[in-house]
């Protein structure tokens, strides 16, 4: 789960097709599977390049 300090529009959310956006007051959480550290870093780099602050990154264990 990646929590960002922004309310991502549908257009911005579409930049992360592997993640599902959930909107909260002025924040969005993106949840989904990333294949490895390299893909995670790519997502984080893209968020940064869009000027979006990442507030939290969590690993959610499989049930």
Protein backbone atom coordinates (compact mmCIF):
# COMPACT_ATOMS: atom_id res chain seq x y z
CA UNK A 1 0.00 0.00 0.00
CA UNK A 2 1.33 3.42 -0.93
CA UNK A 3 -0.28 6.46 0.68
CA UNK A 4 0.30 9.80 -1.02
CA UNK A 5 -0.47 13.32 0.12
CA UNK A 6 -2.69 14.14 -2.86
CA UNK A 7 -6.12 13.42 -4.21
CA UNK A 8 -5.11 11.72 -7.46
CA UNK A 9 -7.35 12.33 -10.45
CA UNK A 10 -8.48 9.40 -12.58
CA UNK A 11 -5.93 10.48 -15.20
CA UNK A 12 -3.05 10.37 -12.71
CA UNK A 13 -4.29 7.10 -11.23
CA UNK A 14 -4.23 5.55 -14.70
CA UNK A 15 -0.43 5.99 -14.68
CA UNK A 16 -0.37 3.09 -12.20
CA UNK A 17 -2.47 0.37 -13.89
CA UNK A 18 -1.29 -2.33 -11.48
CA UNK A 19 -2.59 -0.37 -8.46
CA UNK A 20 -6.13 0.38 -7.29
CA UNK A 21 -6.75 3.92 -6.01
CA UNK A 22 -8.89 4.60 -2.94
CA UNK A 23 -9.55 8.24 -2.22
CA UNK A 24 -9.55 9.68 1.29
CA UNK A 25 -9.71 13.31 2.38
CA UNK A 26 -6.90 14.94 0.39
CA UNK A 27 -5.04 11.62 0.23
CA UNK A 28 -5.10 8.54 -1.95
CA UNK A 29 -3.95 5.00 -1.21
CA UNK A 30 -2.74 2.86 -4.09
CA UNK A 31 -2.92 -0.87 -3.43
CA UNK A 32 -1.90 -3.79 -5.57
CA UNK A 33 0.92 -6.13 -6.36
CA UNK A 34 4.32 -4.97 -7.51
CA UNK A 35 6.62 -7.65 -8.88
CA UNK A 36 9.81 -6.61 -7.12
CA UNK A 37 11.83 -3.76 -5.62
CA UNK A 38 12.63 -2.44 -9.09
CA UNK A 39 8.95 -2.04 -9.97
CA UNK A 40 8.25 -0.43 -6.57
CA UNK A 41 11.09 2.03 -7.13
CA UNK A 42 9.65 2.84 -10.56
CA UNK A 43 6.27 3.66 -9.01
CA UNK A 44 7.90 5.81 -6.32
CA UNK A 45 10.05 7.61 -8.91
CA UNK A 46 7.00 8.35 -11.07
CA UNK A 47 5.08 9.72 -8.08
CA UNK A 48 8.05 11.92 -7.22
CA UNK A 49 8.41 13.18 -10.80
CA UNK A 50 4.72 14.16 -10.72
CA UNK A 51 5.36 16.21 -7.57
CA UNK A 52 3.33 13.85 -5.37
CA UNK A 53 4.57 13.33 -1.82
CA UNK A 54 4.60 9.72 -0.60
CA UNK A 55 3.41 9.63 3.01
CA UNK A 56 3.66 5.89 3.69
CA UNK A 57 4.59 2.60 2.04
CA UNK A 58 3.40 -0.63 3.66
CA UNK A 59 3.74 -4.29 2.80
CA UNK A 60 0.45 -6.08 3.39
CA UNK A 61 0.95 -9.83 3.90
CA UNK A 62 -1.05 -12.30 1.84
CA UNK A 63 -3.76 -14.11 3.77
